[in-house]
Amino acid sequence: MAREVTQEAFAAAWADGALVVDAREADEHAAGHVPGARLMTLRTVPTRCGELPPGRPVFVICASGNRSRTAADWMNSRGFDAYSVTGGTSAWTRAGHPVATGSHEHAT
């Protein structure tokens, strides 16, 4: 089972430059995402994890927490230090945290 992190703990990690992976689809990401989040759709996680820098915690986020738990489970089973962000981007936005829009250089 994926390790989860609260919105508060995630916000602190994000402020410190955490590595954030957005497991949503490209259109969802473009509509609004955590600034700096790397888009890695759930279906591409198995083939794209090699793009992540080794040895860093990875905070995985999606809309509500379902896809991020699946992605974090997969990453953890492959030796990554991954955490699913509880409540996802929806809770991030509701809490008034910054949101970026538009496409992202890592979008696929």
PDB file of N, CA and C in Angstrom:
ATOM      1  N   MET A   1       0.841  -1.188   0.000  1.00  0.00           N
ATOM      2  CA  MET A   1       0.000   0.000   0.000  1.00  0.00           C
ATOM      3  C   MET A   1       0.884   1.249   0.000  1.00  0.00           C
ATOM      4  N   ALA A   2       0.487   2.217  -0.777  1.00  0.00           N
ATOM      5  CA  ALA A   2       1.278   3.447  -0.929  1.00  0.00           C
ATOM      6  C   ALA A   2       1.349   4.220   0.380  1.00  0.00           C
ATOM      7  N   ARG A   3       2.501   4.797   0.588  1.00  0.00           N
ATOM      8  CA  ARG A   3       2.642   5.715   1.718  1.00  0.00           C
ATOM      9  C   ARG A   3       2.013   7.028   1.290  1.00  0.00           C
ATOM     10  N   GLU A   4       1.250   7.609   2.198  1.00  0.00           N
ATOM     11  CA  GLU A   4       0.577   8.871   1.883  1.00  0.00           C
ATOM     12  C   GLU A   4       1.167   9.992   2.718  1.00  0.00           C
ATOM     13  N   VAL A   5       1.077  11.186   2.165  1.00  0.00           N
ATOM     14  CA  VAL A   5       1.551  12.373   2.847  1.00  0.00           C
ATOM     15  C   VAL A   5       0.404  13.383   2.862  1.00  0.00           C
ATOM     16  N   THR A   6       0.270  14.090   3.962  1.00  0.00           N
ATOM     17  CA  THR A   6      -0.796  15.077   4.082  1.00  0.00           C
ATOM     18  C   THR A   6      -0.525  16.281   3.186  1.00  0.00           C
ATOM     19  N   GLN A   7      -1.541  17.050   2.950  1.00  0.00           N
ATOM     20  CA  GLN A   7      -1.384  18.286   2.185  1.00  0.00           C
ATOM     21  C   GLN A   7      -0.388  19.220   2.875  1.00  0.00           C
ATOM     22  N   GLU A   8      -0.449  19.296   4.191  1.00  0.00           N
ATOM     23  CA  GLU A   8       0.446  20.188   4.931  1.00  0.00           C
ATOM     24  C   GLU A   8       1.904  19.770   4.769  1.00  0.00           C
ATOM     25  N   ALA A   9       2.169  18.472   4.920  1.00  0.00           N
ATOM     26  CA  ALA A   9       3.539  17.971   4.771  1.00  0.00           C
ATOM     27  C   ALA A   9       4.006  18.138   3.324  1.00  0.00           C
ATOM     28  N   PHE A  10       3.099  17.905   2.374  1.00  0.00           N
ATOM     29  CA  PHE A  10       3.455  18.085   0.970  1.00  0.00           C
ATOM     30  C   PHE A  10       3.765  19.547   0.672  1.00  0.00           C
ATOM     31  N   ALA A  11       2.957  20.461   1.183  1.00  0.00           N
ATOM     32  CA  ALA A  11       3.192  21.889   0.948  1.00  0.00           C
ATOM     33  C   ALA A  11       4.566  22.300   1.465  1.00  0.00           C
ATOM     34  N   ALA A  12       4.956  21.781   2.621  1.00  0.00           N
ATOM     35  CA  ALA A  12       6.280  22.097   3.173  1.00  0.00           C
ATOM     36  C   ALA A  12       7.379  21.514   2.290  1.00  0.00           C
ATOM     37  N   ALA A  13       7.202  20.270   1.844  1.00  0.00           N
ATOM     38  CA  ALA A  13       8.198  19.644   0.977  1.00  0.00           C
ATOM     39  C   ALA A  13       8.282  20.389  -0.353  1.00  0.00           C
ATOM     40  N   TRP A  14       7.125  20.767  -0.910  1.00  0.00           N
ATOM     41  CA  TRP A  14       7.097  21.510  -2.181  1.00  0.00           C
ATOM     42  C   TRP A  14       7.841  22.829  -2.030  1.00  0.00           C
ATOM     43  N   ALA A  15       7.622  23.526  -0.922  1.00  0.00           N
ATOM     44  CA  ALA A  15       8.296  24.804  -0.684  1.00  0.00           C
ATOM     45  C   ALA A  15       9.810  24.625  -0.603  1.00  0.00           C
ATOM     46  N   ASP A  16      10.257  23.424  -0.223  1.00  0.00           N
ATOM     47  CA  ASP A  16      11.681  23.116  -0.140  1.00  0.00           C
ATOM     48  C   ASP A  16      12.238  22.529  -1.437  1.00  0.00           C
ATOM     49  N   GLY A  17      11.424  22.531  -2.509  1.00  0.00           N
ATOM     50  CA  GLY A  17      11.910  22.059  -3.809  1.00  0.00           C
ATOM     51  C   GLY A  17      11.715  20.587  -4.082  1.00  0.00           C
ATOM     52  N   ALA A  18      10.705  19.971  -3.478  1.00  0.00           N
ATOM     53  CA  ALA A  18      10.448  18.540  -3.669  1.00  0.00           C
ATOM     54  C   ALA A  18      10.224  18.189  -5.139  1.00  0.00           C
ATOM     55  N   LEU A  19      10.541  16.942  -5.465  1.00  0.00           N
ATOM     56  CA  LEU A  19      10.268  16.386  -6.784  1.00  0.00           C
ATOM     57  C   LEU A  19       8.810  15.953  -6.802  1.00  0.00           C
ATOM     58  N   VAL A  20       8.019  16.550  -7.703  1.00  0.00           N
ATOM     59  CA  VAL A  20       6.579  16.282  -7.777  1.00  0.00           C
ATOM     60  C   VAL A  20       6.251  15.690  -9.135  1.00  0.00           C
ATOM     61  N   VAL A  21       5.538  14.562  -9.130  1.00  0.00           N
ATOM     62  CA  VAL A  21       5.066  13.914 -10.350  1.00  0.00           C
ATOM     63  C   VAL A  21       3.545  13.990 -10.363  1.00  0.00           C
ATOM     64  N   ASP A  22       2.997  14.495 -11.464  1.00  0.00           N
ATOM     65  CA  ASP A  22       1.553  14.580 -11.654  1.00  0.00           C
ATOM     66  C   ASP A  22       1.132  13.389 -12.507  1.00  0.00           C
ATOM     67  N   ALA A  23       0.311  12.490 -11.940  1.00  0.00           N
ATOM     68  CA  ALA A  23      -0.092  11.266 -12.617  1.00  0.00           C
ATOM     69  C   ALA A  23      -1.375  11.411 -13.427  1.00  0.00           C
ATOM     70  N   ARG A  24      -1.854  12.624 -13.608  1.00  0.00           N
ATOM     71  CA  ARG A  24      -3.091  12.845 -14.362  1.00  0.00           C
ATOM     72  C   ARG A  24      -2.814  12.873 -15.864  1.00  0.00           C
ATOM     73  N   GLU A  25      -3.864  13.039 -16.628  1.00  0.00           N
ATOM     74  CA  GLU A  25      -3.742  13.151 -18.082  1.00  0.00           C
ATOM     75  C   GLU A  25      -3.277  14.558 -18.454  1.00  0.00           C
ATOM     76  N   ALA A  26      -2.747  14.711 -19.656  1.00  0.00           N
ATOM     77  CA  ALA A  26      -2.164  15.977 -20.106  1.00  0.00           C
ATOM     78  C   ALA A  26      -3.166  17.128 -20.050  1.00  0.00           C
ATOM     79  N   ASP A  27      -4.427  16.879 -20.428  1.00  0.00           N
ATOM     80  CA  ASP A  27      -5.405  17.965 -20.409  1.00  0.00           C
ATOM     81  C   ASP A  27      -5.722  18.409 -18.983  1.00  0.00           C
ATOM     82  N   GLU A  28      -5.742  17.480 -18.045  1.00  0.00           N
ATOM     83  CA  GLU A  28      -5.969  17.830 -16.646  1.00  0.00           C
ATOM     84  C   GLU A  28      -4.799  18.662 -16.116  1.00  0.00           C
ATOM     85  N   HIS A  29      -3.603  18.239 -16.447  1.00  0.00           N
ATOM     86  CA  HIS A  29      -2.388  18.948 -16.025  1.00  0.00           C
ATOM     87  C   HIS A  29      -2.378  20.371 -16.579  1.00  0.00           C
ATOM     88  N   ALA A  30      -2.707  20.506 -17.864  1.00  0.00           N
ATOM     89  CA  ALA A  30      -2.710  21.825 -18.506  1.00  0.00           C
ATOM     90  C   ALA A  30      -3.743  22.751 -17.867  1.00  0.00           C
ATOM     91  N   ALA A  31      -4.855  22.197 -17.400  1.00  0.00           N
ATOM     92  CA  ALA A  31      -5.916  23.011 -16.799  1.00  0.00           C
ATOM     93  C   ALA A  31      -5.519  23.569 -15.435  1.00  0.00           C
ATOM     94  N   GLY A  32      -4.574  22.940 -14.764  1.00  0.00           N
ATOM     95  CA  GLY A  32      -4.109  23.441 -13.469  1.00  0.00           C
ATOM     96  C   GLY A  32      -3.326  22.387 -12.719  1.00  0.00           C
ATOM     97  N   HIS A  33      -2.093  22.728 -12.346  1.00  0.00           N
ATOM     98  CA  HIS A  33      -1.230  21.778 -11.647  1.00  0.00           C
ATOM     99  C   HIS A  33      -0.349  22.480 -10.616  1.00  0.00           C
ATOM    100  N   VAL A  34       0.228  21.690  -9.741  1.00  0.00           N
ATOM    101  CA  VAL A  34       1.184  22.205  -8.766  1.00  0.00           C
ATOM    102  C   VAL A  34       2.376  22.744  -9.554  1.00  0.00           C
ATOM    103  N   PRO A  35       2.769  23.986  -9.328  1.00  0.00           N
ATOM    104  CA  PRO A  35       3.909  24.537 -10.063  1.00  0.00           C
ATOM    105  C   PRO A  35       5.148  23.646  -9.912  1.00  0.00           C
ATOM    106  N   GLY A  36       5.765  23.359 -11.049  1.00  0.00           N
ATOM    107  CA  GLY A  36       6.964  22.526 -11.063  1.00  0.00           C
ATOM    108  C   GLY A  36       6.706  21.043 -11.165  1.00  0.00           C
ATOM    109  N   ALA A  37       5.428  20.628 -11.112  1.00  0.00           N
ATOM    110  CA  ALA A  37       5.116  19.200 -11.188  1.00  0.00           C
ATOM    111  C   ALA A  37       5.457  18.653 -12.568  1.00  0.00           C
ATOM    112  N   ARG A  38       6.088  17.502 -12.575  1.00  0.00           N
ATOM    113  CA  ARG A  38       6.448  16.820 -13.818  1.00  0.00           C
ATOM    114  C   ARG A  38       5.291  15.914 -14.209  1.00  0.00           C
ATOM    115  N   LEU A  39       4.756  16.111 -15.395  1.00  0.00           N
ATOM    116  CA  LEU A  39       3.657  15.267 -15.868  1.00  0.00           C
ATOM    117  C   LEU A  39       4.191  13.900 -16.265  1.00  0.00           C
ATOM    118  N   MET A  40       3.616  12.877 -15.642  1.00  0.00           N
ATOM    119  CA  MET A  40       3.932  11.482 -15.963  1.00  0.00           C
ATOM    120  C   MET A  40       2.632  10.717 -15.773  1.00  0.00           C
ATOM    121  N   THR A  41       1.835  10.661 -16.833  1.00  0.00           N
ATOM    122  CA  THR A  41       0.525  10.031 -16.717  1.00  0.00           C
ATOM    123  C   THR A  41       0.662   8.629 -16.135  1.00  0.00           C
ATOM    124  N   LEU A  42      -0.377   8.202 -15.434  1.00  0.00           N
ATOM    125  CA  LEU A  42      -0.344   6.908 -14.758  1.00  0.00           C
ATOM    126  C   LEU A  42       0.093   5.792 -15.706  1.00  0.00           C
ATOM    127  N   ARG A  43      -0.424   5.792 -16.909  1.00  0.00           N
ATOM    128  CA  ARG A  43      -0.098   4.700 -17.825  1.00  0.00           C
ATOM    129  C   ARG A  43       1.365   4.707 -18.266  1.00  0.00           C
ATOM    130  N   THR A  44       2.056   5.853 -18.119  1.00  0.00           N
ATOM    131  CA  THR A  44       3.453   5.922 -18.546  1.00  0.00           C
ATOM    132  C   THR A  44       4.447   5.741 -17.398  1.00  0.00           C
ATOM    133  N   VAL A  45       3.957   5.673 -16.170  1.00  0.00           N
ATOM    134  CA  VAL A  45       4.862   5.553 -15.017  1.00  0.00           C
ATOM    135  C   VAL A  45       5.835   4.386 -15.166  1.00  0.00           C
ATOM    136  N   PRO A  46       5.379   3.177 -15.544  1.00  0.00           N
ATOM    137  CA  PRO A  46       6.331   2.059 -15.642  1.00  0.00           C
ATOM    138  C   PRO A  46       7.466   2.291 -16.647  1.00  0.00           C
ATOM    139  N   THR A  47       7.201   3.004 -17.703  1.00  0.00           N
ATOM    140  CA  THR A  47       8.241   3.199 -18.717  1.00  0.00           C
ATOM    141  C   THR A  47       9.040   4.478 -18.521  1.00  0.00           C
ATOM    142  N   ARG A  48       8.552   5.395 -17.704  1.00  0.00           N
ATOM    143  CA  ARG A  48       9.227   6.687 -17.570  1.00  0.00           C
ATOM    144  C   ARG A  48       9.911   6.918 -16.230  1.00  0.00           C
ATOM    145  N   CYS A  49       9.791   6.011 -15.294  1.00  0.00           N
ATOM    146  CA  CYS A  49      10.412   6.216 -13.980  1.00  0.00           C
ATOM    147  C   CYS A  49      11.919   6.403 -14.078  1.00  0.00           C
ATOM    148  N   GLY A  50      12.530   5.850 -15.096  1.00  0.00           N
ATOM    149  CA  GLY A  50      13.968   6.015 -15.278  1.00  0.00           C
ATOM    150  C   GLY A  50      14.380   7.461 -15.493  1.00  0.00           C
ATOM    151  N   GLU A  51      13.429   8.339 -15.808  1.00  0.00           N
ATOM    152  CA  GLU A  51      13.717   9.763 -15.993  1.00  0.00           C
ATOM    153  C   GLU A  51      13.889  10.494 -14.661  1.00  0.00           C
ATOM    154  N   LEU A  52      13.471   9.859 -13.577  1.00  0.00           N
ATOM    155  CA  LEU A  52      13.526  10.511 -12.272  1.00  0.00           C
ATOM    156  C   LEU A  52      14.924  10.402 -11.681  1.00  0.00           C
ATOM    157  N   PRO A  53      15.374  11.459 -11.019  1.00  0.00           N
ATOM    158  CA  PRO A  53      16.694  11.392 -10.389  1.00  0.00           C
ATOM    159  C   PRO A  53      16.688  10.384  -9.243  1.00  0.00           C
ATOM    160  N   PRO A  54      17.699   9.555  -9.162  1.00  0.00           N
ATOM    161  CA  PRO A  54      17.734   8.543  -8.095  1.00  0.00           C
ATOM    162  C   PRO A  54      17.986   9.177  -6.727  1.00  0.00           C
ATOM    163  N   GLY A  55      17.488   8.497  -5.702  1.00  0.00           N
ATOM    164  CA  GLY A  55      17.784   8.896  -4.340  1.00  0.00           C
ATOM    165  C   GLY A  55      16.998  10.058  -3.778  1.00  0.00           C
ATOM    166  N   ARG A  56      16.014  10.553  -4.524  1.00  0.00           N
ATOM    167  CA  ARG A  56      15.188  11.661  -4.019  1.00  0.00           C
ATOM    168  C   ARG A  56      13.780  11.173  -3.751  1.00  0.00           C
ATOM    169  N   PRO A  57      13.159  11.654  -2.683  1.00  0.00           N
ATOM    170  CA  PRO A  57      11.749  11.334  -2.482  1.00  0.00           C
ATOM    171  C   PRO A  57      10.922  11.892  -3.643  1.00  0.00           C
ATOM    172  N   VAL A  58       9.902  11.147  -4.021  1.00  0.00           N
ATOM    173  CA  VAL A  58       9.007  11.556  -5.103  1.00  0.00           C
ATOM    174  C   VAL A  58       7.614  11.704  -4.518  1.00  0.00           C
ATOM    175  N   PHE A  59       7.010  12.872  -4.738  1.00  0.00           N
ATOM    176  CA  PHE A  59       5.645  13.127  -4.288  1.00  0.00           C
ATOM    177  C   PHE A  59       4.741  13.039  -5.511  1.00  0.00           C
ATOM    178  N   VAL A  60       3.840  12.052  -5.502  1.00  0.00           N
ATOM    179  CA  VAL A  60       2.966  11.805  -6.643  1.00  0.00           C
ATOM    180  C   VAL A  60       1.597  12.377  -6.331  1.00  0.00           C
ATOM    181  N   ILE A  61       1.071  13.146  -7.290  1.00  0.00           N
ATOM    182  CA  ILE A  61      -0.217  13.803  -7.098  1.00  0.00           C
ATOM    183  C   ILE A  61      -1.098  13.537  -8.316  1.00  0.00           C
ATOM    184  N   CYS A  62      -2.393  13.509  -8.092  1.00  0.00           N
ATOM    185  CA  CYS A  62      -3.370  13.399  -9.183  1.00  0.00           C
ATOM    186  C   CYS A  62      -4.543  14.292  -8.799  1.00  0.00           C
ATOM    187  N   ALA A  63      -5.729  14.008  -9.284  1.00  0.00           N
ATOM    188  CA  ALA A  63      -6.878  14.856  -8.978  1.00  0.00           C
ATOM    189  C   ALA A  63      -7.335  14.690  -7.528  1.00  0.00           C
ATOM    190  N   SER A  64      -7.448  13.427  -7.073  1.00  0.00           N
ATOM    191  CA  SER A  64      -8.003  13.197  -5.736  1.00  0.00           C
ATOM    192  C   SER A  64      -7.187  12.247  -4.873  1.00  0.00           C
ATOM    193  N   GLY A  65      -6.259  11.516  -5.458  1.00  0.00           N
ATOM    194  CA  GLY A  65      -5.424  10.593  -4.696  1.00  0.00           C
ATOM    195  C   GLY A  65      -5.454   9.159  -5.165  1.00  0.00           C
ATOM    196  N   ASN A  66      -6.369   8.797  -6.059  1.00  0.00           N
ATOM    197  CA  ASN A  66      -6.463   7.404  -6.510  1.00  0.00           C
ATOM    198  C   ASN A  66      -5.314   7.018  -7.444  1.00  0.00           C
ATOM    199  N   ARG A  67      -5.122   7.773  -8.508  1.00  0.00           N
ATOM    200  CA  ARG A  67      -4.031   7.461  -9.448  1.00  0.00           C
ATOM    201  C   ARG A  67      -2.672   7.632  -8.799  1.00  0.00           C
ATOM    202  N   SER A  68      -2.554   8.622  -7.926  1.00  0.00           N
ATOM    203  CA  SER A  68      -1.257   8.835  -7.275  1.00  0.00           C
ATOM    204  C   SER A  68      -0.907   7.660  -6.356  1.00  0.00           C
ATOM    205  N   ARG A  69      -1.891   7.061  -5.695  1.00  0.00           N
ATOM    206  CA  ARG A  69      -1.617   5.881  -4.860  1.00  0.00           C
ATOM    207  C   ARG A  69      -1.132   4.725  -5.726  1.00  0.00           C
ATOM    208  N   THR A  70      -1.775   4.523  -6.858  1.00  0.00           N
ATOM    209  CA  THR A  70      -1.366   3.437  -7.756  1.00  0.00           C
ATOM    210  C   THR A  70       0.057   3.668  -8.255  1.00  0.00           C
ATOM    211  N   ALA A  71       0.342   4.892  -8.690  1.00  0.00           N
ATOM    212  CA  ALA A  71       1.681   5.215  -9.201  1.00  0.00           C
ATOM    213  C   ALA A  71       2.730   5.087  -8.101  1.00  0.00           C
ATOM    214  N   ALA A  72       2.434   5.606  -6.905  1.00  0.00           N
ATOM    215  CA  ALA A  72       3.386   5.523  -5.797  1.00  0.00           C
ATOM    216  C   ALA A  72       3.626   4.073  -5.391  1.00  0.00           C
ATOM    217  N   ASP A  73       2.571   3.240  -5.392  1.00  0.00           N
ATOM    218  CA  ASP A  73       2.739   1.810  -5.107  1.00  0.00           C
ATOM    219  C   ASP A  73       3.729   1.194  -6.088  1.00  0.00           C
ATOM    220  N   TRP A  74       3.528   1.478  -7.379  1.00  0.00           N
ATOM    221  CA  TRP A  74       4.404   0.918  -8.405  1.00  0.00           C
ATOM    222  C   TRP A  74       5.834   1.393  -8.185  1.00  0.00           C
ATOM    223  N   MET A  75       6.006   2.690  -7.963  1.00  0.00           N
ATOM    224  CA  MET A  75       7.349   3.245  -7.752  1.00  0.00           C
ATOM    225  C   MET A  75       8.022   2.629  -6.537  1.00  0.00           C
ATOM    226  N   ASN A  76       7.290   2.528  -5.428  1.00  0.00           N
ATOM    227  CA  ASN A  76       7.862   1.945  -4.214  1.00  0.00           C
ATOM    228  C   ASN A  76       8.278   0.498  -4.431  1.00  0.00           C
ATOM    229  N   SER A  77       7.509  -0.253  -5.201  1.00  0.00           N
ATOM    230  CA  SER A  77       7.854  -1.656  -5.456  1.00  0.00           C
ATOM    231  C   SER A  77       9.110  -1.774  -6.314  1.00  0.00           C
ATOM    232  N   ARG A  78       9.512  -0.671  -6.952  1.00  0.00           N
ATOM    233  CA  ARG A  78      10.725  -0.655  -7.779  1.00  0.00           C
ATOM    234  C   ARG A  78      11.872   0.100  -7.100  1.00  0.00           C
ATOM    235  N   GLY A  79      11.732   0.377  -5.804  1.00  0.00           N
ATOM    236  CA  GLY A  79      12.821   0.966  -5.051  1.00  0.00           C
ATOM    237  C   GLY A  79      12.821   2.473  -4.933  1.00  0.00           C
ATOM    238  N   PHE A  80      11.809   3.143  -5.456  1.00  0.00           N
ATOM    239  CA  PHE A  80      11.711   4.593  -5.303  1.00  0.00           C
ATOM    240  C   PHE A  80      11.148   4.929  -3.923  1.00  0.00           C
ATOM    241  N   ASP A  81      11.461   6.103  -3.433  1.00  0.00           N
ATOM    242  CA  ASP A  81      10.942   6.616  -2.167  1.00  0.00           C
ATOM    243  C   ASP A  81       9.762   7.524  -2.521  1.00  0.00           C
ATOM    244  N   ALA A  82       8.611   6.902  -2.818  1.00  0.00           N
ATOM    245  CA  ALA A  82       7.462   7.638  -3.357  1.00  0.00           C
ATOM    246  C   ALA A  82       6.334   7.759  -2.344  1.00  0.00           C
ATOM    247  N   TYR A  83       5.648   8.894  -2.407  1.00  0.00           N
ATOM    248  CA  TYR A  83       4.535   9.205  -1.522  1.00  0.00           C
ATOM    249  C   TYR A  83       3.362   9.727  -2.340  1.00  0.00           C
ATOM    250  N   SER A  84       2.173   9.260  -2.030  1.00  0.00           N
ATOM    251  CA  SER A  84       0.948   9.762  -2.647  1.00  0.00           C
ATOM    252  C   SER A  84       0.448  10.951  -1.830  1.00  0.00           C
ATOM    253  N   VAL A  85       0.093  12.027  -2.517  1.00  0.00           N
ATOM    254  CA  VAL A  85      -0.393  13.231  -1.836  1.00  0.00           C
ATOM    255  C   VAL A  85      -1.897  13.089  -1.586  1.00  0.00           C
ATOM    256  N   THR A  86      -2.268  13.017  -0.325  1.00  0.00           N
ATOM    257  CA  THR A  86      -3.665  12.868   0.074  1.00  0.00           C
ATOM    258  C   THR A  86      -4.505  14.044  -0.442  1.00  0.00           C
ATOM    259  N   GLY A  87      -5.629  13.718  -1.063  1.00  0.00           N
ATOM    260  CA  GLY A  87      -6.544  14.764  -1.530  1.00  0.00           C
ATOM    261  C   GLY A  87      -6.193  15.340  -2.889  1.00  0.00           C
ATOM    262  N   GLY A  88      -4.996  15.081  -3.373  1.00  0.00           N
ATOM    263  CA  GLY A  88      -4.591  15.483  -4.712  1.00  0.00           C
ATOM    264  C   GLY A  88      -4.621  16.973  -4.999  1.00  0.00           C
ATOM    265  N   THR A  89      -4.648  17.259  -6.288  1.00  0.00           N
ATOM    266  CA  THR A  89      -4.645  18.649  -6.759  1.00  0.00           C
ATOM    267  C   THR A  89      -5.917  19.374  -6.335  1.00  0.00           C
ATOM    268  N   SER A  90      -7.008  18.638  -6.212  1.00  0.00           N
ATOM    269  CA  SER A  90      -8.262  19.256  -5.772  1.00  0.00           C
ATOM    270  C   SER A  90      -8.094  19.885  -4.392  1.00  0.00           C
ATOM    271  N   ALA A  91      -7.519  19.143  -3.452  1.00  0.00           N
ATOM    272  CA  ALA A  91      -7.306  19.670  -2.104  1.00  0.00           C
ATOM    273  C   ALA A  91      -6.252  20.776  -2.118  1.00  0.00           C
ATOM    274  N   TRP A  92      -5.228  20.627  -2.944  1.00  0.00           N
ATOM    275  CA  TRP A  92      -4.185  21.654  -3.080  1.00  0.00           C
ATOM    276  C   TRP A  92      -4.818  22.990  -3.488  1.00  0.00           C
ATOM    277  N   THR A  93      -5.687  22.942  -4.482  1.00  0.00           N
ATOM    278  CA  THR A  93      -6.345  24.143  -4.980  1.00  0.00           C
ATOM    279  C   THR A  93      -7.290  24.726  -3.935  1.00  0.00           C
ATOM    280  N   ARG A  94      -8.094  23.870  -3.312  1.00  0.00           N
ATOM    281  CA  ARG A  94      -9.033  24.337  -2.275  1.00  0.00           C
ATOM    282  C   ARG A  94      -8.315  25.023  -1.120  1.00  0.00           C
ATOM    283  N   ALA A  95      -7.090  24.588  -0.834  1.00  0.00           N
ATOM    284  CA  ALA A  95      -6.324  25.172   0.273  1.00  0.00           C
ATOM    285  C   ALA A  95      -5.702  26.516  -0.110  1.00  0.00           C
ATOM    286  N   GLY A  96      -5.853  26.920  -1.376  1.00  0.00           N
ATOM    287  CA  GLY A  96      -5.344  28.212  -1.809  1.00  0.00           C
ATOM    288  C   GLY A  96      -3.882  28.228  -2.210  1.00  0.00           C
ATOM    289  N   HIS A  97      -3.304  27.046  -2.413  1.00  0.00           N
ATOM    290  CA  HIS A  97      -1.909  26.978  -2.851  1.00  0.00           C
ATOM    291  C   HIS A  97      -1.793  27.410  -4.312  1.00  0.00           C
ATOM    292  N   PRO A  98      -0.610  27.805  -4.756  1.00  0.00           N
ATOM    293  CA  PRO A  98      -0.437  28.248  -6.145  1.00  0.00           C
ATOM    294  C   PRO A  98      -0.718  27.131  -7.148  1.00  0.00           C
ATOM    295  N   VAL A  99      -1.255  27.528  -8.289  1.00  0.00           N
ATOM    296  CA  VAL A  99      -1.566  26.599  -9.370  1.00  0.00           C
ATOM    297  C   VAL A  99      -1.047  27.196 -10.667  1.00  0.00           C
ATOM    298  N   ALA A 100      -0.364  26.376 -11.442  1.00  0.00           N
ATOM    299  CA  ALA A 100       0.117  26.789 -12.761  1.00  0.00           C
ATOM    300  C   ALA A 100      -0.800  26.177 -13.817  1.00  0.00           C
ATOM    301  N   THR A 101      -0.924  26.834 -14.953  1.00  0.00           N
ATOM    302  CA  THR A 101      -1.729  26.295 -16.052  1.00  0.00           C
ATOM    303  C   THR A 101      -0.882  26.234 -17.312  1.00  0.00           C
ATOM    304  N   GLY A 102      -1.398  25.523 -18.308  1.00  0.00           N
ATOM    305  CA  GLY A 102      -0.706  25.400 -19.577  1.00  0.00           C
ATOM    306  C   GLY A 102       0.075  24.108 -19.663  1.00  0.00           C
ATOM    307  N   SER A 103       0.649  23.894 -20.849  1.00  0.00           N
ATOM    308  CA  SER A 103       1.396  22.660 -21.080  1.00  0.00           C
ATOM    309  C   SER A 103       2.712  22.702 -20.328  1.00  0.00           C
ATOM    310  N   HIS A 104       3.364  21.580 -20.304  1.00  0.00           N
ATOM    311  CA  HIS A 104       4.592  21.412 -19.521  1.00  0.00           C
ATOM    312  C   HIS A 104       5.606  20.685 -20.393  1.00  0.00           C
ATOM    313  N   GLU A 105       6.864  20.991 -20.219  1.00  0.00           N
ATOM    314  CA  GLU A 105       7.876  20.390 -21.081  1.00  0.00           C
ATOM    315  C   GLU A 105       7.977  18.883 -20.944  1.00  0.00           C
ATOM    316  N   HIS A 106       7.485  18.300 -19.864  1.00  0.00           N
ATOM    317  CA  HIS A 106       7.566  16.864 -19.678  1.00  0.00           C
ATOM    318  C   HIS A 106       6.255  16.167 -20.043  1.00  0.00           C
ATOM    319  N   ALA A 107       5.336  16.885 -20.673  1.00  0.00           N
ATOM    320  CA  ALA A 107       4.008  16.337 -20.935  1.00  0.00           C
ATOM    321  C   ALA A 107       4.054  15.190 -21.938  1.00  0.00           C
ATOM    322  N   THR A 108       3.556  14.059 -21.524  1.00  0.00           N
ATOM    323  CA  THR A 108       3.302  12.898 -22.407  1.00  0.00           C
ATOM    324  C   THR A 108       2.381  11.960 -21.697  1.00  0.00           C
TER     325      THR A 108
END
